Amino acid sequence: MRPLDDIDRRIIALLQADSRQSNRALAEAVGIAPSTCHERVRELRRRGVITGYHAAVDLGALNRNIEAIVSVRLRPKTRPVLDEFLTQVWALEETMEVYLLSGSDDIIVHLSVVDTTALRSLVLDEITAIPGVVDETTSLVFSHTRKRVLSPLDEPSG
């Protein structure tokens, strides 16, 4: 994959900040012709640099008032056990994100639920019942922030 140039970097930063802006506004902000901008964005999508466009929503407005992180350990840690766990946890409507890890925990599941009663039921009745789960630790999320605009990192020199 060819490296991103300064124009690509500016396009990516602007789209991360506001992906709903028009191609004309984006081109003007970057200082290139709209046709060039359109082609640049299309090429960034083709190369897999831009993977999609998403609406940020208020979880409370969706009646998802509680967020939790569930750290899970699986045994045996085999591909079939992992695949079955992922299939079942992704089928839960409360699942927002899943991370596969190295270290003492194998998986982290980020959930959002209506209330703590729903969380208790989800963890005890659904997640721990998935074959291969031998331990879980659940933590409530008090606050969740995320950088919405990320810059490419330079390769380490030397």
Protein backbone atom coordinates (compact mmCIF):
# COMPACT_ATOMS: atom_id res chain seq x y z
CA MET A 1 0.00 0.00 0.00
CA ARG A 2 1.40 3.35 -0.95
CA PRO A 3 1.91 5.82 1.91
CA LEU A 4 -0.63 8.54 2.57
CA ASP A 5 0.40 11.96 1.36
CA ASP A 6 -0.52 15.29 2.97
CA ILE A 7 -3.69 15.66 0.91
CA ASP A 8 -4.86 12.15 1.87
CA ARG A 9 -4.14 12.92 5.52
CA ARG A 10 -6.15 16.15 5.41
CA ILE A 11 -9.07 14.44 3.65
CA ILE A 12 -9.10 11.66 6.26
CA ALA A 13 -8.97 14.12 9.18
CA LEU A 14 -11.80 16.21 7.76
CA LEU A 15 -14.00 13.20 7.03
CA GLN A 16 -13.42 11.81 10.53
CA ALA A 17 -14.51 15.15 12.00
CA ASP A 18 -17.59 15.39 9.74
CA SER A 19 -18.30 12.68 7.18
CA ARG A 20 -21.52 14.39 6.08
CA GLN A 21 -19.83 17.37 4.46
CA SER A 22 -20.24 17.68 0.73
CA ASN A 23 -17.47 16.78 -1.68
CA ARG A 24 -17.36 20.43 -2.73
CA ALA A 25 -16.81 21.60 0.88
CA LEU A 26 -14.21 18.91 1.44
CA ALA A 27 -12.35 19.85 -1.74
CA GLU A 28 -12.40 23.52 -0.80
CA ALA A 29 -11.05 22.80 2.70
CA VAL A 30 -8.22 20.70 1.28
CA GLY A 31 -7.50 23.10 -1.59
CA ILE A 32 -8.10 20.79 -4.55
CA ALA A 33 -10.68 20.52 -7.33
CA PRO A 34 -13.94 18.69 -6.47
CA SER A 35 -13.27 16.06 -9.17
CA THR A 36 -9.80 15.41 -7.73
CA CYS A 37 -11.23 15.21 -4.22
CA HIS A 38 -13.92 12.77 -5.32
CA GLU A 39 -11.29 10.55 -6.94
CA ARG A 40 -9.05 10.74 -3.85
CA VAL A 41 -11.90 9.68 -1.54
CA ARG A 42 -12.88 6.87 -3.93
CA GLU A 43 -9.26 5.65 -3.98
CA LEU A 44 -9.01 5.81 -0.16
CA ARG A 45 -12.15 3.65 0.03
CA ARG A 46 -10.86 1.23 -2.62
CA ARG A 47 -7.57 0.80 -0.71
CA GLY A 48 -9.45 0.13 2.53
CA VAL A 49 -8.17 3.25 4.30
CA ILE A 50 -11.72 4.55 4.67
CA THR A 51 -13.83 1.60 5.78
CA GLY A 52 -17.21 3.26 6.27
CA TYR A 53 -19.24 6.19 7.53
CA HIS A 54 -21.12 6.06 10.82
CA ALA A 55 -23.54 8.13 12.84
CA ALA A 56 -22.55 8.72 16.46
CA VAL A 57 -25.62 8.19 18.65
CA ASP A 58 -26.47 8.83 22.29
CA LEU A 59 -26.75 5.43 23.99
CA GLY A 60 -29.26 6.83 26.50
CA ALA A 61 -31.58 7.77 23.65
CA LEU A 62 -31.53 4.09 22.65
CA ASN A 63 -32.40 3.03 26.22
CA ARG A 64 -28.86 1.67 26.66
CA ASN A 65 -28.25 3.39 29.98
CA ILE A 66 -25.49 1.16 31.38
CA GLU A 67 -22.21 0.23 29.71
CA ALA A 68 -20.03 -2.61 30.94
CA ILE A 69 -16.81 -4.35 30.00
CA VAL A 70 -16.79 -8.13 30.44
CA SER A 71 -13.38 -9.81 30.46
CA VAL A 72 -13.66 -13.49 29.56
CA ARG A 73 -11.35 -16.48 29.85
CA LEU A 74 -11.96 -19.52 27.66
CA ARG A 75 -10.84 -23.15 28.09
CA PRO A 76 -9.83 -24.94 26.08
CA LYS A 77 -8.52 -22.03 24.06
CA THR A 78 -9.07 -23.62 20.66
CA ARG A 79 -10.37 -22.21 17.37
CA PRO A 80 -13.75 -24.02 17.63
CA VAL A 81 -14.35 -22.76 21.20
CA LEU A 82 -13.33 -19.22 20.21
CA ASP A 83 -15.48 -19.26 17.06
CA GLU A 84 -18.53 -20.50 18.98
CA PHE A 85 -18.07 -17.85 21.66
CA LEU A 86 -17.76 -15.08 19.07
CA THR A 87 -20.83 -16.30 17.18
CA GLN A 88 -22.95 -16.34 20.32
CA VAL A 89 -21.70 -13.07 21.82
CA TRP A 90 -22.16 -11.20 18.51
CA ALA A 91 -25.75 -12.48 18.39
CA LEU A 92 -26.51 -10.58 21.63
CA GLU A 93 -28.12 -7.24 20.78
CA GLU A 94 -26.36 -5.67 23.78
CA THR A 95 -22.87 -6.36 22.34
CA MET A 96 -21.19 -3.24 20.96
CA GLU A 97 -17.52 -4.29 20.58
CA VAL A 98 -15.40 -7.39 21.01
CA TYR A 99 -11.63 -7.50 21.47
CA LEU A 100 -9.45 -10.61 21.19
CA LEU A 101 -6.50 -10.35 23.57
CA SER A 102 -3.23 -11.86 24.58
CA GLY A 103 -2.53 -12.17 28.29
CA SER A 104 -4.59 -13.52 31.16
CA ASP A 105 -7.96 -12.63 29.59
CA ASP A 106 -8.86 -13.95 26.16
CA ILE A 107 -11.70 -11.62 25.15
CA ILE A 108 -13.22 -8.32 26.21
CA VAL A 109 -16.86 -7.68 25.38
CA HIS A 110 -18.22 -4.12 25.53
CA LEU A 111 -21.93 -4.16 26.33
CA SER A 112 -24.70 -1.62 26.72
CA VAL A 113 -27.88 -2.52 28.59
CA VAL A 114 -31.04 -0.97 30.03
CA ASP A 115 -30.07 -1.34 33.69
CA THR A 116 -28.00 -3.37 36.14
CA THR A 117 -30.67 -6.05 36.41
CA ALA A 118 -30.43 -6.62 32.67
CA LEU A 119 -26.62 -6.65 32.92
CA ARG A 120 -26.70 -9.27 35.68
CA SER A 121 -29.03 -11.48 33.66
CA LEU A 122 -27.03 -11.06 30.47
CA VAL A 123 -23.73 -11.97 32.10
CA LEU A 124 -24.95 -14.78 34.35
CA ASP A 125 -27.53 -16.36 32.05
CA GLU A 126 -26.11 -15.73 28.59
CA ILE A 127 -22.37 -15.06 28.53
CA THR A 128 -21.25 -17.50 31.22
CA ALA A 129 -23.46 -20.18 29.64
CA ILE A 130 -21.50 -20.10 26.38
CA PRO A 131 -19.43 -23.30 26.09
CA GLY A 132 -15.79 -22.78 27.03
CA VAL A 133 -16.29 -19.81 29.36
CA VAL A 134 -14.43 -20.60 32.59
CA ASP A 135 -14.26 -17.13 34.13
CA GLU A 136 -15.52 -13.60 33.61
CA THR A 137 -15.01 -10.25 35.28
CA THR A 138 -17.58 -7.52 34.74
CA SER A 139 -16.78 -3.83 35.18
CA LEU A 140 -19.24 -0.96 34.92
CA VAL A 141 -18.20 1.88 32.64
CA PHE A 142 -18.64 5.26 34.32
CA SER A 143 -17.43 7.27 31.35
CA HIS A 144 -16.39 6.43 27.81
CA THR A 145 -14.51 8.84 25.58
CA ARG A 146 -12.97 8.17 22.22
CA LYS A 147 -10.82 10.14 19.84
CA ARG A 148 -12.90 10.70 16.73
CA VAL A 149 -10.07 12.07 14.60
CA LEU A 150 -6.93 9.94 14.34
CA SER A 151 -3.78 10.86 12.43
CA PRO A 152 -1.56 8.30 10.72
CA LEU A 153 1.55 7.48 12.72
CA ASP A 154 4.95 7.77 11.11
CA GLU A 155 7.11 4.69 10.76
CA PRO A 156 9.81 4.44 13.45
CA SER A 157 13.18 5.57 12.15
CA GLY A 158 16.33 3.54 12.52
